[in-house]
Amino acid sequence: MVRSVFMKSSLSCLLMMSLALGSLGAAERSPAEQARKIKPGSRIEVVLASGETLTGRLGAVSEQEFNLLSSAGAAASRTVPFGDVQSLRSKRSTGARIAIDAGIVFAALLVIGLVVGRRT
C-alpha cells in the first residue's frame, strides 16, 4: 500500500517536472528577440519564410537584420533580414544535448531520493 502511494507520487512529480521543463521554451518570441538571446558565434539554424533552411554561426545582430556566418568564414557571411525569417534557434551539439538530458534525469532522481529519504 505504502509502496503504491510512493510510486504514484513519484510518477506525479516526474510528470509535473517534465511538463514544466517542456514549457520553458514554449513562449513565442520574434526572430529578433530570439537572435538577441543567442550568444554571437553560436551555431544556429534559420528557417526562412520561403522554407529554405540555413545553418551557420550567428554574427552581428541589428534591429532589422543579422549576419549568418558560414563555416567558410566571414567572407561567406550572409545578411538575413528578420522579416524573411520564420524561425531561428540555437543548434546545440550532441554532447551538449546529452549533458542537458543527463542533468534533467539527475535532478529527477535527486527529487525522488529526497522524497524517499523523508518517508523512511
C-alpha atoms as a PDB file:
ATOM      1  CA  MET A   1       0.000   0.000   0.000  1.00  0.00           C
ATOM      2  CA  VAL A   2       2.701   2.486   1.027  1.00  0.00           C
ATOM      3  CA  ARG A   3       4.800   1.476  -1.959  1.00  0.00           C
ATOM      4  CA  SER A   4       1.853   2.088  -4.306  1.00  0.00           C
ATOM      5  CA  VAL A   5       1.309   5.581  -2.894  1.00  0.00           C
ATOM      6  CA  PHE A   6       5.022   6.319  -3.216  1.00  0.00           C
ATOM      7  CA  MET A   7       5.083   5.205  -6.848  1.00  0.00           C
ATOM      8  CA  LYS A   8       2.057   7.329  -7.688  1.00  0.00           C
ATOM      9  CA  SER A   9       3.524  10.411  -6.020  1.00  0.00           C
ATOM     10  CA  SER A  10       6.900   9.838  -7.718  1.00  0.00           C
ATOM     11  CA  LEU A  11       5.286   9.480 -11.120  1.00  0.00           C
ATOM     12  CA  SER A  12       3.186  12.588 -10.497  1.00  0.00           C
ATOM     13  CA  CYS A  13       6.303  14.529  -9.537  1.00  0.00           C
ATOM     14  CA  LEU A  14       8.162  13.385 -12.671  1.00  0.00           C
ATOM     15  CA  LEU A  15       5.187  14.268 -14.867  1.00  0.00           C
ATOM     16  CA  MET A  16       4.964  17.764 -13.377  1.00  0.00           C
ATOM     17  CA  MET A  17       8.717  18.295 -13.851  1.00  0.00           C
ATOM     18  CA  SER A  18       8.614  17.180 -17.479  1.00  0.00           C
ATOM     19  CA  LEU A  19       5.650  19.459 -18.198  1.00  0.00           C
ATOM     20  CA  ALA A  20       7.353  22.405 -16.505  1.00  0.00           C
ATOM     21  CA  LEU A  21      10.637  21.844 -18.337  1.00  0.00           C
ATOM     22  CA  GLY A  22       8.853  21.383 -21.641  1.00  0.00           C
ATOM     23  CA  SER A  23       7.005  24.671 -21.276  1.00  0.00           C
ATOM     24  CA  LEU A  24      10.174  26.697 -20.632  1.00  0.00           C
ATOM     25  CA  GLY A  25      10.772  27.171 -24.343  1.00  0.00           C
ATOM     26  CA  ALA A  26       7.102  27.391 -25.245  1.00  0.00           C
ATOM     27  CA  ALA A  27       6.873  31.164 -25.098  1.00  0.00           C
ATOM     28  CA  GLU A  28       6.693  32.514 -28.629  1.00  0.00           C
ATOM     29  CA  ARG A  29       9.308  35.143 -29.390  1.00  0.00           C
ATOM     30  CA  SER A  30      10.009  37.006 -32.580  1.00  0.00           C
ATOM     31  CA  PRO A  31      13.123  36.015 -34.542  1.00  0.00           C
ATOM     32  CA  ALA A  32      14.729  39.325 -33.496  1.00  0.00           C
ATOM     33  CA  GLU A  33      14.167  38.525 -29.808  1.00  0.00           C
ATOM     34  CA  GLN A  34      15.497  35.003 -30.326  1.00  0.00           C
ATOM     35  CA  ALA A  35      18.628  36.310 -32.049  1.00  0.00           C
ATOM     36  CA  ARG A  36      19.340  38.747 -29.199  1.00  0.00           C
ATOM     37  CA  LYS A  37      19.143  35.901 -26.664  1.00  0.00           C
ATOM     38  CA  ILE A  38      21.744  33.807 -28.502  1.00  0.00           C
ATOM     39  CA  LYS A  39      25.431  34.450 -27.930  1.00  0.00           C
ATOM     40  CA  PRO A  40      27.248  35.691 -31.069  1.00  0.00           C
ATOM     41  CA  GLY A  41      29.336  32.919 -32.582  1.00  0.00           C
ATOM     42  CA  SER A  42      26.854  30.230 -31.529  1.00  0.00           C
ATOM     43  CA  ARG A  43      25.684  27.688 -34.078  1.00  0.00           C
ATOM     44  CA  ILE A  44      22.138  28.442 -35.261  1.00  0.00           C
ATOM     45  CA  GLU A  45      19.532  27.075 -37.621  1.00  0.00           C
ATOM     46  CA  VAL A  46      17.354  29.529 -39.519  1.00  0.00           C
ATOM     47  CA  VAL A  47      14.183  28.628 -41.402  1.00  0.00           C
ATOM     48  CA  LEU A  48      13.187  31.311 -43.884  1.00  0.00           C
ATOM     49  CA  ALA A  49       9.608  32.150 -44.845  1.00  0.00           C
ATOM     50  CA  SER A  50      10.372  30.575 -48.245  1.00  0.00           C
ATOM     51  CA  GLY A  51      11.018  27.234 -46.488  1.00  0.00           C
ATOM     52  CA  GLU A  52      14.779  27.322 -47.036  1.00  0.00           C
ATOM     53  CA  THR A  53      16.857  26.172 -44.043  1.00  0.00           C
ATOM     54  CA  LEU A  54      20.199  27.826 -43.300  1.00  0.00           C
ATOM     55  CA  THR A  55      22.795  26.840 -40.728  1.00  0.00           C
ATOM     56  CA  GLY A  56      25.872  28.672 -39.555  1.00  0.00           C
ATOM     57  CA  ARG A  57      27.132  30.856 -36.741  1.00  0.00           C
ATOM     58  CA  LEU A  58      25.398  33.982 -35.515  1.00  0.00           C
ATOM     59  CA  GLY A  59      27.276  37.157 -36.388  1.00  0.00           C
ATOM     60  CA  ALA A  60      26.344  40.775 -35.707  1.00  0.00           C
ATOM     61  CA  VAL A  61      22.702  41.475 -34.814  1.00  0.00           C
ATOM     62  CA  SER A  62      20.971  44.803 -35.547  1.00  0.00           C
ATOM     63  CA  GLU A  63      17.364  45.962 -35.203  1.00  0.00           C
ATOM     64  CA  GLN A  64      16.414  44.856 -38.730  1.00  0.00           C
ATOM     65  CA  GLU A  65      18.776  42.003 -39.605  1.00  0.00           C
ATOM     66  CA  PHE A  66      21.581  39.689 -38.547  1.00  0.00           C
ATOM     67  CA  ASN A  67      24.655  38.136 -40.138  1.00  0.00           C
ATOM     68  CA  LEU A  68      24.861  34.397 -40.625  1.00  0.00           C
ATOM     69  CA  LEU A  69      28.466  33.247 -40.861  1.00  0.00           C
ATOM     70  CA  SER A  70      29.097  30.064 -42.795  1.00  0.00           C
ATOM     71  CA  SER A  71      31.820  27.575 -41.960  1.00  0.00           C
ATOM     72  CA  ALA A  72      33.863  29.116 -44.777  1.00  0.00           C
ATOM     73  CA  GLY A  73      34.367  32.229 -42.638  1.00  0.00           C
ATOM     74  CA  ALA A  74      33.404  35.893 -42.712  1.00  0.00           C
ATOM     75  CA  ALA A  75      33.916  36.093 -46.483  1.00  0.00           C
ATOM     76  CA  ALA A  76      30.908  33.810 -46.908  1.00  0.00           C
ATOM     77  CA  SER A  77      28.593  35.602 -44.486  1.00  0.00           C
ATOM     78  CA  ARG A  78      25.000  36.357 -45.383  1.00  0.00           C
ATOM     79  CA  THR A  79      22.858  39.230 -44.122  1.00  0.00           C
ATOM     80  CA  VAL A  80      19.387  37.979 -43.251  1.00  0.00           C
ATOM     81  CA  PRO A  81      16.508  40.429 -42.641  1.00  0.00           C
ATOM     82  CA  PHE A  82      14.288  39.418 -39.706  1.00  0.00           C
ATOM     83  CA  GLY A  83      11.251  39.876 -41.966  1.00  0.00           C
ATOM     84  CA  ASP A  84      12.413  36.889 -44.032  1.00  0.00           C
ATOM     85  CA  VAL A  85      12.814  34.597 -41.009  1.00  0.00           C
ATOM     86  CA  GLN A  86      10.147  32.103 -39.993  1.00  0.00           C
ATOM     87  CA  SER A  87      12.128  30.613 -37.088  1.00  0.00           C
ATOM     88  CA  LEU A  88      15.574  30.853 -35.573  1.00  0.00           C
ATOM     89  CA  ARG A  89      17.058  28.586 -32.930  1.00  0.00           C
ATOM     90  CA  SER A  90      20.337  27.711 -31.322  1.00  0.00           C
ATOM     91  CA  LYS A  91      21.733  24.451 -32.608  1.00  0.00           C
ATOM     92  CA  ARG A  92      23.404  22.598 -29.751  1.00  0.00           C
ATOM     93  CA  SER A  93      25.937  19.865 -30.267  1.00  0.00           C
ATOM     94  CA  THR A  94      25.088  16.255 -29.456  1.00  0.00           C
ATOM     95  CA  GLY A  95      27.341  16.403 -26.392  1.00  0.00           C
ATOM     96  CA  ALA A  96      25.501  19.442 -25.048  1.00  0.00           C
ATOM     97  CA  ARG A  97      22.121  17.755 -25.556  1.00  0.00           C
ATOM     98  CA  ILE A  98      23.332  14.628 -23.753  1.00  0.00           C
ATOM     99  CA  ALA A  99      24.650  16.734 -20.845  1.00  0.00           C
ATOM    100  CA  ILE A 100      21.322  18.599 -20.542  1.00  0.00           C
ATOM    101  CA  ASP A 101      19.321  15.360 -20.627  1.00  0.00           C
ATOM    102  CA  ALA A 102      21.631  13.783 -18.026  1.00  0.00           C
ATOM    103  CA  GLY A 103      21.152  16.842 -15.786  1.00  0.00           C
ATOM    104  CA  ILE A 104      17.372  16.548 -16.027  1.00  0.00           C
ATOM    105  CA  VAL A 105      17.485  12.839 -15.166  1.00  0.00           C
ATOM    106  CA  PHE A 106      19.856  13.535 -12.260  1.00  0.00           C
ATOM    107  CA  ALA A 107      17.534  16.233 -10.898  1.00  0.00           C
ATOM    108  CA  ALA A 108      14.527  13.895 -11.146  1.00  0.00           C
ATOM    109  CA  LEU A 109      16.413  11.123  -9.328  1.00  0.00           C
ATOM    110  CA  LEU A 110      17.537  13.581  -6.664  1.00  0.00           C
ATOM    111  CA  VAL A 111      13.938  14.668  -6.027  1.00  0.00           C
ATOM    112  CA  ILE A 112      12.812  11.040  -5.792  1.00  0.00           C
ATOM    113  CA  GLY A 113      15.682  10.301  -3.410  1.00  0.00           C
ATOM    114  CA  LEU A 114      14.714  13.215  -1.186  1.00  0.00           C
ATOM    115  CA  VAL A 115      11.087  12.088  -1.124  1.00  0.00           C
ATOM    116  CA  VAL A 116      12.072   8.520  -0.221  1.00  0.00           C
ATOM    117  CA  GLY A 117      14.547   9.731   2.394  1.00  0.00           C
ATOM    118  CA  ARG A 118      11.899  11.760   4.204  1.00  0.00           C
ATOM    119  CA  ARG A 119       9.483   8.842   4.355  1.00  0.00           C
ATOM    120  CA  THR A 120      11.932   6.360   5.884  1.00  0.00           C
END
